[in-house]
N, C-alpha and C. Protein backbone atom coordinates (compact mmCIF):
# COMPACT_ATOMS: atom_id res chain seq x y z
N MET A 1 8.71 -12.27 -119.54
CA MET A 1 9.89 -12.52 -120.32
C MET A 1 11.03 -11.60 -119.92
N ILE A 2 10.77 -10.55 -119.22
CA ILE A 2 11.83 -9.64 -118.79
C ILE A 2 12.75 -10.34 -117.79
N ARG A 3 12.26 -11.31 -117.08
CA ARG A 3 13.06 -12.01 -116.09
C ARG A 3 14.28 -12.69 -116.70
N PHE A 4 14.11 -13.24 -117.91
CA PHE A 4 15.19 -13.99 -118.54
C PHE A 4 16.47 -13.16 -118.68
N PRO A 5 16.42 -11.93 -119.24
CA PRO A 5 17.65 -11.15 -119.35
C PRO A 5 18.25 -10.81 -117.99
N VAL A 6 17.42 -10.56 -116.99
CA VAL A 6 17.92 -10.26 -115.66
C VAL A 6 18.63 -11.47 -115.08
N VAL A 7 18.05 -12.66 -115.24
CA VAL A 7 18.68 -13.88 -114.74
C VAL A 7 19.99 -14.13 -115.46
N VAL A 8 19.99 -13.97 -116.80
CA VAL A 8 21.21 -14.18 -117.57
C VAL A 8 22.28 -13.20 -117.12
N MET A 9 21.93 -11.95 -116.92
CA MET A 9 22.90 -10.94 -116.48
C MET A 9 23.44 -11.30 -115.11
N GLY A 10 22.57 -11.77 -114.22
CA GLY A 10 23.02 -12.18 -112.89
C GLY A 10 23.98 -13.35 -112.95
N VAL A 11 23.69 -14.33 -113.80
CA VAL A 11 24.58 -15.49 -113.97
C VAL A 11 25.90 -15.05 -114.56
N LEU A 12 25.85 -14.17 -115.58
CA LEU A 12 27.09 -13.68 -116.18
C LEU A 12 27.92 -12.89 -115.17
N ALA A 13 27.28 -12.05 -114.39
CA ALA A 13 27.99 -11.27 -113.39
C ALA A 13 28.65 -12.18 -112.38
N ALA A 14 27.94 -13.21 -111.93
CA ALA A 14 28.51 -14.15 -110.97
C ALA A 14 29.67 -14.91 -111.59
N ALA A 15 29.55 -15.26 -112.87
CA ALA A 15 30.59 -16.03 -113.55
C ALA A 15 31.88 -15.24 -113.69
N ILE A 16 31.78 -13.93 -113.85
CA ILE A 16 33.01 -13.14 -114.02
C ILE A 16 33.45 -12.47 -112.72
N GLY A 17 32.81 -12.81 -111.63
CA GLY A 17 33.23 -12.31 -110.32
C GLY A 17 32.69 -10.96 -109.94
N VAL A 18 31.71 -10.45 -110.64
CA VAL A 18 31.11 -9.17 -110.30
C VAL A 18 29.93 -9.45 -109.39
N SER A 19 29.84 -8.72 -108.33
CA SER A 19 28.70 -8.92 -107.45
C SER A 19 27.94 -7.62 -107.28
N ALA A 20 26.67 -7.76 -107.07
CA ALA A 20 25.84 -6.58 -106.83
C ALA A 20 26.14 -6.08 -105.43
N PRO A 21 26.10 -4.78 -105.25
CA PRO A 21 26.35 -4.26 -103.91
C PRO A 21 25.30 -4.76 -102.93
N ILE A 22 25.76 -5.11 -101.75
CA ILE A 22 24.85 -5.55 -100.69
C ILE A 22 24.42 -4.30 -99.94
N PRO A 23 23.13 -4.12 -99.78
CA PRO A 23 22.69 -2.92 -99.06
C PRO A 23 23.26 -2.92 -97.65
N ALA A 24 23.77 -1.77 -97.24
CA ALA A 24 24.32 -1.64 -95.89
C ALA A 24 23.18 -1.71 -94.89
N SER A 25 23.43 -2.43 -93.81
CA SER A 25 22.41 -2.48 -92.77
C SER A 25 22.43 -1.17 -92.00
N THR A 26 21.31 -0.79 -91.50
CA THR A 26 21.23 0.43 -90.73
C THR A 26 21.95 0.23 -89.41
N PRO A 27 22.92 1.08 -89.10
CA PRO A 27 23.63 0.89 -87.85
C PRO A 27 22.72 1.17 -86.65
N ALA A 28 23.02 0.51 -85.56
CA ALA A 28 22.28 0.75 -84.33
C ALA A 28 22.52 2.20 -83.93
N PRO A 29 21.52 2.89 -83.40
CA PRO A 29 21.64 4.33 -83.18
C PRO A 29 22.76 4.77 -82.23
N PHE A 30 23.10 3.96 -81.25
CA PHE A 30 24.13 4.37 -80.29
C PHE A 30 25.50 3.79 -80.62
N ASP A 31 25.56 2.86 -81.54
CA ASP A 31 26.79 2.16 -81.88
C ASP A 31 27.82 3.12 -82.46
N GLY A 32 29.03 3.09 -81.94
CA GLY A 32 30.09 3.90 -82.51
C GLY A 32 30.84 4.73 -81.49
N ALA A 33 31.65 5.62 -82.02
CA ALA A 33 32.51 6.48 -81.19
C ALA A 33 31.93 7.88 -81.14
N TRP A 34 31.98 8.45 -79.96
CA TRP A 34 31.49 9.80 -79.72
C TRP A 34 32.59 10.53 -78.95
N MET A 35 33.00 11.71 -79.40
CA MET A 35 34.12 12.38 -78.72
C MET A 35 34.04 13.89 -78.90
N SER A 36 34.44 14.58 -77.85
CA SER A 36 34.60 16.03 -77.93
C SER A 36 35.93 16.39 -77.28
N CYS A 37 36.58 17.39 -77.83
CA CYS A 37 37.88 17.83 -77.33
C CYS A 37 37.85 19.34 -77.10
N GLU A 38 38.66 19.77 -76.17
CA GLU A 38 38.82 21.19 -75.90
C GLU A 38 40.24 21.42 -75.43
N THR A 39 40.63 22.67 -75.39
CA THR A 39 41.97 23.00 -74.91
C THR A 39 41.88 23.44 -73.46
N TYR A 40 42.72 22.85 -72.63
CA TYR A 40 42.77 23.19 -71.21
C TYR A 40 44.23 23.42 -70.85
N ARG A 41 44.56 24.64 -70.46
CA ARG A 41 45.93 25.01 -70.10
C ARG A 41 46.93 24.62 -71.19
N GLY A 42 46.54 24.85 -72.42
CA GLY A 42 47.42 24.59 -73.56
C GLY A 42 47.46 23.16 -74.04
N ALA A 43 46.74 22.26 -73.40
CA ALA A 43 46.73 20.85 -73.81
C ALA A 43 45.35 20.47 -74.34
N GLU A 44 45.33 19.56 -75.30
CA GLU A 44 44.06 19.06 -75.82
C GLU A 44 43.52 18.01 -74.86
N ILE A 45 42.31 18.23 -74.39
CA ILE A 45 41.64 17.32 -73.46
C ILE A 45 40.42 16.76 -74.18
N CYS A 46 40.36 15.43 -74.29
CA CYS A 46 39.25 14.80 -75.01
C CYS A 46 38.47 13.87 -74.09
N SER A 47 37.17 13.92 -74.21
CA SER A 47 36.28 13.00 -73.51
C SER A 47 35.57 12.18 -74.57
N TYR A 48 35.34 10.90 -74.30
CA TYR A 48 34.69 10.05 -75.30
C TYR A 48 33.83 8.98 -74.67
N LYS A 49 32.96 8.44 -75.50
CA LYS A 49 32.21 7.22 -75.22
C LYS A 49 32.37 6.35 -76.46
N LEU A 50 32.80 5.11 -76.28
CA LEU A 50 32.86 4.13 -77.35
C LEU A 50 31.79 3.11 -77.02
N LEU A 51 30.75 3.06 -77.85
CA LEU A 51 29.57 2.25 -77.55
C LEU A 51 29.38 1.14 -78.58
N ALA A 52 28.93 0.00 -78.10
CA ALA A 52 28.59 -1.13 -78.96
C ALA A 52 27.15 -1.52 -78.65
N GLN A 53 26.27 -1.34 -79.62
CA GLN A 53 24.86 -1.70 -79.44
C GLN A 53 24.54 -2.92 -80.29
N ARG A 54 24.03 -3.96 -79.65
CA ARG A 54 23.58 -5.17 -80.33
C ARG A 54 22.14 -5.41 -79.91
N GLY A 55 21.21 -5.12 -80.82
CA GLY A 55 19.79 -5.19 -80.45
C GLY A 55 19.52 -4.10 -79.43
N ASN A 56 18.93 -4.48 -78.30
CA ASN A 56 18.67 -3.47 -77.27
C ASN A 56 19.76 -3.44 -76.20
N ARG A 57 20.80 -4.25 -76.35
CA ARG A 57 21.91 -4.28 -75.38
C ARG A 57 22.95 -3.23 -75.77
N LEU A 58 23.39 -2.46 -74.79
CA LEU A 58 24.40 -1.43 -75.01
C LEU A 58 25.55 -1.66 -74.05
N CYS A 59 26.75 -1.68 -74.57
CA CYS A 59 27.96 -1.77 -73.76
C CYS A 59 28.84 -0.59 -74.15
N GLY A 60 29.63 -0.12 -73.22
CA GLY A 60 30.48 1.00 -73.57
C GLY A 60 31.63 1.21 -72.62
N VAL A 61 32.60 1.94 -73.11
CA VAL A 61 33.69 2.45 -72.28
C VAL A 61 33.70 3.95 -72.49
N GLN A 62 34.00 4.66 -71.44
CA GLN A 62 34.00 6.11 -71.54
C GLN A 62 35.17 6.69 -70.77
N ARG A 63 35.56 7.88 -71.19
CA ARG A 63 36.59 8.63 -70.47
C ARG A 63 36.16 10.09 -70.48
N TYR A 64 36.29 10.73 -69.34
CA TYR A 64 36.00 12.16 -69.27
C TYR A 64 37.02 12.81 -68.35
N PHE A 65 37.14 14.12 -68.47
CA PHE A 65 38.12 14.89 -67.71
C PHE A 65 37.37 15.79 -66.74
N ALA A 66 37.75 15.73 -65.47
CA ALA A 66 37.16 16.60 -64.45
C ALA A 66 38.15 16.73 -63.30
N THR A 67 38.12 17.83 -62.62
CA THR A 67 39.01 18.09 -61.47
C THR A 67 40.45 17.65 -61.76
N ASN A 68 40.96 18.10 -62.91
CA ASN A 68 42.35 17.87 -63.32
C ASN A 68 42.74 16.41 -63.46
N ALA A 69 41.80 15.54 -63.76
CA ALA A 69 42.12 14.12 -63.93
C ALA A 69 41.16 13.48 -64.93
N TYR A 70 41.63 12.42 -65.58
CA TYR A 70 40.77 11.60 -66.44
C TYR A 70 40.11 10.51 -65.61
N TYR A 71 38.89 10.19 -65.95
CA TYR A 71 38.14 9.11 -65.32
C TYR A 71 37.72 8.15 -66.43
N GLU A 72 38.01 6.87 -66.26
CA GLU A 72 37.65 5.86 -67.26
C GLU A 72 36.71 4.85 -66.64
N GLN A 73 35.67 4.50 -67.40
CA GLN A 73 34.63 3.62 -66.86
C GLN A 73 34.08 2.69 -67.94
N ARG A 74 33.44 1.62 -67.48
CA ARG A 74 32.72 0.68 -68.34
C ARG A 74 31.25 0.76 -67.97
N LEU A 75 30.38 0.54 -68.95
CA LEU A 75 28.95 0.63 -68.68
C LEU A 75 28.19 -0.42 -69.48
N VAL A 76 27.04 -0.81 -68.94
CA VAL A 76 26.13 -1.75 -69.61
C VAL A 76 24.73 -1.17 -69.48
N GLY A 77 23.98 -1.17 -70.58
CA GLY A 77 22.65 -0.60 -70.54
C GLY A 77 21.68 -1.28 -71.49
N THR A 78 20.47 -0.74 -71.50
CA THR A 78 19.38 -1.26 -72.33
C THR A 78 18.78 -0.11 -73.13
N VAL A 79 18.62 -0.32 -74.43
CA VAL A 79 18.06 0.71 -75.31
C VAL A 79 16.58 0.41 -75.54
N THR A 80 15.75 1.41 -75.26
CA THR A 80 14.31 1.30 -75.47
C THR A 80 13.80 2.62 -76.02
N GLY A 81 13.15 2.57 -77.17
CA GLY A 81 12.53 3.77 -77.72
C GLY A 81 13.47 4.93 -77.93
N GLY A 82 14.68 4.70 -78.38
CA GLY A 82 15.62 5.78 -78.66
C GLY A 82 16.35 6.33 -77.45
N VAL A 83 16.17 5.69 -76.30
CA VAL A 83 16.87 6.11 -75.08
C VAL A 83 17.63 4.91 -74.53
N ALA A 84 18.87 5.14 -74.15
CA ALA A 84 19.68 4.08 -73.55
C ALA A 84 19.75 4.30 -72.05
N GLN A 85 19.18 3.39 -71.30
CA GLN A 85 19.26 3.43 -69.83
C GLN A 85 20.54 2.70 -69.43
N ILE A 86 21.44 3.40 -68.76
CA ILE A 86 22.65 2.75 -68.26
C ILE A 86 22.24 2.00 -67.00
N ASP A 87 22.31 0.68 -67.06
CA ASP A 87 21.87 -0.15 -65.94
C ASP A 87 22.94 -0.27 -64.87
N LYS A 88 24.20 -0.39 -65.30
CA LYS A 88 25.29 -0.54 -64.33
C LYS A 88 26.57 0.03 -64.90
N ILE A 89 27.44 0.44 -63.99
CA ILE A 89 28.68 1.11 -64.38
C ILE A 89 29.75 0.80 -63.35
N CYS A 90 30.99 0.77 -63.79
CA CYS A 90 32.12 0.63 -62.87
C CYS A 90 33.31 1.36 -63.48
N GLY A 91 34.30 1.64 -62.66
CA GLY A 91 35.50 2.31 -63.17
C GLY A 91 36.09 3.23 -62.14
N ASP A 92 36.83 4.21 -62.62
CA ASP A 92 37.44 5.17 -61.70
C ASP A 92 36.33 5.91 -60.97
N PRO A 93 36.34 5.86 -59.64
CA PRO A 93 35.31 6.58 -58.90
C PRO A 93 35.33 8.07 -59.23
N GLY A 94 34.16 8.60 -59.52
CA GLY A 94 34.01 10.00 -59.87
C GLY A 94 32.54 10.36 -59.78
N SER A 95 32.08 11.21 -60.68
CA SER A 95 30.68 11.63 -60.62
C SER A 95 29.72 10.55 -61.12
N ASP A 96 30.21 9.58 -61.90
CA ASP A 96 29.31 8.56 -62.46
C ASP A 96 29.25 7.27 -61.66
N THR A 97 30.28 6.95 -60.90
CA THR A 97 30.29 5.72 -60.11
C THR A 97 31.23 5.87 -58.92
N ASP A 98 31.01 5.03 -57.93
CA ASP A 98 31.92 4.99 -56.78
C ASP A 98 32.54 3.61 -56.63
N SER A 99 32.47 2.80 -57.69
CA SER A 99 32.91 1.41 -57.62
C SER A 99 33.87 1.08 -58.77
N TYR A 100 35.04 0.59 -58.39
CA TYR A 100 36.02 0.16 -59.39
C TYR A 100 35.54 -1.09 -60.12
N CYS A 101 36.01 -1.27 -61.35
CA CYS A 101 35.74 -2.50 -62.08
C CYS A 101 36.59 -3.63 -61.51
N PRO A 102 36.05 -4.84 -61.48
CA PRO A 102 36.84 -5.99 -61.01
C PRO A 102 38.14 -6.12 -61.81
N GLY A 103 39.21 -6.41 -61.10
CA GLY A 103 40.51 -6.58 -61.73
C GLY A 103 41.25 -5.29 -61.98
N ARG A 104 40.65 -4.16 -61.64
CA ARG A 104 41.29 -2.87 -61.90
C ARG A 104 41.35 -2.00 -60.65
N ALA A 105 40.96 -2.54 -59.53
CA ALA A 105 40.90 -1.74 -58.30
C ALA A 105 42.21 -1.82 -57.52
N PRO A 106 42.56 -0.74 -56.84
CA PRO A 106 43.70 -0.82 -55.93
C PRO A 106 43.34 -1.74 -54.76
N GLN A 107 44.34 -2.27 -54.08
CA GLN A 107 44.09 -3.23 -52.99
C GLN A 107 43.21 -2.66 -51.89
N ASP A 108 43.30 -1.37 -51.63
CA ASP A 108 42.54 -0.77 -50.54
C ASP A 108 41.21 -0.16 -51.00
N ALA A 109 40.73 -0.53 -52.18
CA ALA A 109 39.49 0.05 -52.71
C ALA A 109 38.30 -0.27 -51.81
N ALA A 110 37.48 0.74 -51.55
CA ALA A 110 36.30 0.55 -50.71
C ALA A 110 35.22 -0.24 -51.44
N LYS A 111 35.05 -0.02 -52.74
CA LYS A 111 34.01 -0.72 -53.51
C LYS A 111 34.60 -1.25 -54.82
N VAL A 112 34.26 -2.49 -55.12
CA VAL A 112 34.68 -3.12 -56.37
C VAL A 112 33.47 -3.85 -56.95
N GLY A 113 33.23 -3.69 -58.23
CA GLY A 113 32.11 -4.35 -58.89
C GLY A 113 31.20 -3.33 -59.55
N TRP A 114 30.10 -3.82 -60.06
CA TRP A 114 29.15 -2.96 -60.75
C TRP A 114 28.31 -2.15 -59.77
N ALA A 115 28.05 -0.91 -60.13
CA ALA A 115 27.15 -0.04 -59.35
C ALA A 115 25.98 0.34 -60.25
N PRO A 116 24.79 0.52 -59.67
CA PRO A 116 23.64 0.94 -60.49
C PRO A 116 23.84 2.38 -60.98
N SER A 117 23.15 2.72 -62.05
CA SER A 117 23.25 4.06 -62.62
C SER A 117 21.87 4.57 -62.97
N LYS A 118 21.69 5.88 -62.84
CA LYS A 118 20.44 6.53 -63.27
C LYS A 118 20.64 7.24 -64.61
N GLU A 119 21.85 7.19 -65.14
CA GLU A 119 22.14 7.91 -66.38
C GLU A 119 21.40 7.31 -67.57
N ARG A 120 20.93 8.21 -68.43
CA ARG A 120 20.30 7.81 -69.69
C ARG A 120 20.97 8.58 -70.82
N LEU A 121 21.17 7.90 -71.93
CA LEU A 121 21.74 8.53 -73.12
C LEU A 121 20.65 8.71 -74.16
N PHE A 122 20.72 9.81 -74.90
CA PHE A 122 19.79 10.05 -75.99
C PHE A 122 20.49 10.92 -77.02
N GLN A 123 19.88 11.05 -78.19
CA GLN A 123 20.48 11.83 -79.26
C GLN A 123 19.57 12.97 -79.68
N CYS A 124 20.22 14.07 -80.00
CA CYS A 124 19.54 15.22 -80.58
C CYS A 124 20.45 15.80 -81.64
N ARG A 125 19.89 16.02 -82.81
CA ARG A 125 20.64 16.62 -83.92
C ARG A 125 21.96 15.90 -84.18
N GLY A 126 21.95 14.57 -84.07
CA GLY A 126 23.13 13.78 -84.37
C GLY A 126 24.20 13.78 -83.30
N ARG A 127 23.89 14.31 -82.14
CA ARG A 127 24.86 14.35 -81.04
C ARG A 127 24.33 13.57 -79.85
N LEU A 128 25.25 13.10 -79.03
CA LEU A 128 24.91 12.28 -77.87
C LEU A 128 24.80 13.15 -76.62
N PHE A 129 23.76 12.91 -75.86
CA PHE A 129 23.52 13.62 -74.61
C PHE A 129 23.28 12.62 -73.50
N SER A 130 23.51 13.05 -72.28
CA SER A 130 23.18 12.20 -71.14
C SER A 130 22.42 13.01 -70.10
N THR A 131 21.60 12.29 -69.35
CA THR A 131 20.84 12.92 -68.28
C THR A 131 20.62 11.90 -67.18
N SER A 132 20.52 12.37 -65.96
CA SER A 132 20.11 11.49 -64.87
C SER A 132 18.82 12.00 -64.24
N SER A 133 18.20 12.94 -64.91
CA SER A 133 16.91 13.47 -64.48
C SER A 133 15.82 12.43 -64.70
N ASP A 134 14.79 12.50 -63.89
CA ASP A 134 13.64 11.60 -64.07
C ASP A 134 12.74 12.06 -65.21
N ALA A 135 12.93 13.31 -65.66
CA ALA A 135 12.10 13.84 -66.76
C ALA A 135 12.46 13.14 -68.06
N PRO A 136 11.50 12.99 -68.96
CA PRO A 136 11.81 12.38 -70.26
C PRO A 136 12.86 13.20 -71.00
N PRO A 137 13.81 12.55 -71.66
CA PRO A 137 14.82 13.30 -72.42
C PRO A 137 14.14 14.17 -73.48
N SER A 138 14.67 15.36 -73.66
CA SER A 138 14.08 16.30 -74.60
C SER A 138 15.18 17.02 -75.37
N CYS A 139 14.90 17.33 -76.62
CA CYS A 139 15.82 18.10 -77.44
C CYS A 139 15.48 19.59 -77.42
N ARG A 140 14.49 19.96 -76.65
CA ARG A 140 14.09 21.36 -76.55
C ARG A 140 15.26 22.19 -76.01
N GLY A 141 15.59 23.25 -76.70
CA GLY A 141 16.65 24.15 -76.28
C GLY A 141 18.06 23.69 -76.66
N VAL A 142 18.16 22.54 -77.31
CA VAL A 142 19.48 22.03 -77.70
C VAL A 142 19.97 22.81 -78.91
N THR A 143 21.20 23.29 -78.84
CA THR A 143 21.81 23.99 -79.98
C THR A 143 22.85 23.09 -80.63
N ARG A 144 23.27 23.50 -81.81
CA ARG A 144 24.16 22.69 -82.64
C ARG A 144 25.48 22.31 -81.96
N ASP A 145 25.99 23.15 -81.09
CA ASP A 145 27.30 22.89 -80.48
C ASP A 145 27.22 22.14 -79.14
N MET A 146 26.04 21.74 -78.73
CA MET A 146 25.89 21.01 -77.47
C MET A 146 26.01 19.51 -77.72
N GLY A 147 26.28 18.75 -76.67
CA GLY A 147 26.36 17.30 -76.78
C GLY A 147 27.71 16.85 -77.31
N ILE A 148 27.82 15.54 -77.54
CA ILE A 148 29.06 14.94 -78.01
C ILE A 148 28.83 14.45 -79.44
N PRO A 149 29.63 14.92 -80.40
CA PRO A 149 29.44 14.47 -81.77
C PRO A 149 29.95 13.04 -82.00
N ARG A 150 29.34 12.36 -82.95
CA ARG A 150 29.83 11.05 -83.39
C ARG A 150 31.09 11.30 -84.23
N VAL A 151 32.09 10.46 -84.05
CA VAL A 151 33.33 10.57 -84.82
C VAL A 151 33.62 9.23 -85.49
N ARG A 152 34.38 9.27 -86.56
CA ARG A 152 34.74 8.02 -87.25
C ARG A 152 35.74 7.21 -86.45
N SER A 153 36.60 7.91 -85.72
CA SER A 153 37.66 7.24 -84.98
C SER A 153 38.00 8.06 -83.75
N LEU A 154 38.45 7.39 -82.72
CA LEU A 154 38.93 8.09 -81.52
C LEU A 154 40.40 8.46 -81.66
N GLY A 155 41.01 8.06 -82.77
CA GLY A 155 42.43 8.36 -82.98
C GLY A 155 43.25 7.77 -81.85
N GLY A 156 44.19 8.50 -81.37
CA GLY A 156 45.03 8.04 -80.26
C GLY A 156 44.36 8.19 -78.90
N GLN A 157 43.14 8.69 -78.88
CA GLN A 157 42.45 8.91 -77.60
C GLN A 157 41.77 7.66 -77.08
N GLY A 158 41.60 6.66 -77.93
CA GLY A 158 40.76 5.51 -77.62
C GLY A 158 41.18 4.70 -76.42
N PRO A 159 40.32 3.77 -76.03
CA PRO A 159 40.57 2.97 -74.83
C PRO A 159 41.74 2.00 -74.99
N GLN A 160 42.23 1.54 -73.86
CA GLN A 160 43.31 0.56 -73.81
C GLN A 160 42.83 -0.75 -74.42
N PRO A 161 43.76 -1.59 -74.88
CA PRO A 161 43.38 -2.88 -75.47
C PRO A 161 42.49 -3.73 -74.56
N GLU A 162 42.74 -3.72 -73.25
CA GLU A 162 41.91 -4.55 -72.36
C GLU A 162 40.47 -4.05 -72.32
N ASP A 163 40.27 -2.73 -72.45
CA ASP A 163 38.90 -2.20 -72.50
C ASP A 163 38.24 -2.55 -73.83
N ARG A 164 38.98 -2.54 -74.91
CA ARG A 164 38.43 -2.93 -76.22
C ARG A 164 38.03 -4.41 -76.20
N THR A 165 38.85 -5.25 -75.57
CA THR A 165 38.54 -6.68 -75.45
C THR A 165 37.28 -6.86 -74.62
N TRP A 166 37.19 -6.14 -73.50
CA TRP A 166 35.99 -6.22 -72.65
C TRP A 166 34.76 -5.78 -73.44
N LEU A 167 34.88 -4.69 -74.20
CA LEU A 167 33.75 -4.16 -74.96
C LEU A 167 33.23 -5.19 -75.97
N ALA A 168 34.14 -5.85 -76.66
CA ALA A 168 33.72 -6.87 -77.63
C ALA A 168 33.03 -8.04 -76.92
N ALA A 169 33.57 -8.46 -75.78
CA ALA A 169 32.95 -9.56 -75.02
C ALA A 169 31.58 -9.15 -74.50
N CYS A 170 31.47 -7.94 -73.99
CA CYS A 170 30.20 -7.45 -73.47
C CYS A 170 29.15 -7.39 -74.57
N ALA A 171 29.53 -6.87 -75.73
CA ALA A 171 28.58 -6.78 -76.84
C ALA A 171 28.09 -8.16 -77.27
N ALA A 172 28.93 -9.18 -77.04
CA ALA A 172 28.55 -10.56 -77.37
C ALA A 172 27.81 -11.24 -76.22
N GLY A 173 27.55 -10.48 -75.14
CA GLY A 173 26.80 -11.02 -74.01
C GLY A 173 27.66 -11.68 -72.95
N ARG A 174 28.98 -11.46 -73.01
CA ARG A 174 29.90 -12.08 -72.04
C ARG A 174 30.68 -11.00 -71.30
N GLU A 175 30.03 -10.24 -70.50
CA GLU A 175 30.73 -9.16 -69.80
C GLU A 175 31.53 -9.66 -68.61
């Protein structure tokens, strides 16, 4: 008989437009924005990864600063057991790739298209780490200030609109 009052309350709530909160789904572990900033010669320099995880598929855009320049890249990977294997990457040639993304290469570019990657992403203490070592990722020796923290927003640091469009298409399986 306890069901009757619950049903009546549910009907009354629906009739007056009140709805019960829908439980939030657990976000995919790599999904979201990750960014760290530091000061270099008086300027704020920020590196980020904006990742979209749908099931075991991971797509992302990243920017990092090295040798006095920013490098921007796109990546596609597979998440298994808490580790994201970056399967392929393209973008500004640097330490992560030597191949420009299609449609973004200068006319004299030596390589255009996707290049394979050995990079793997993993998390420790709520921060994002990467490795290209063959050893299993480990949180041993990781301190609180290491890695890249998750952020709510990239603010003005975020990717260009064309990269955001690509990221949405990639997450939907249309890279």
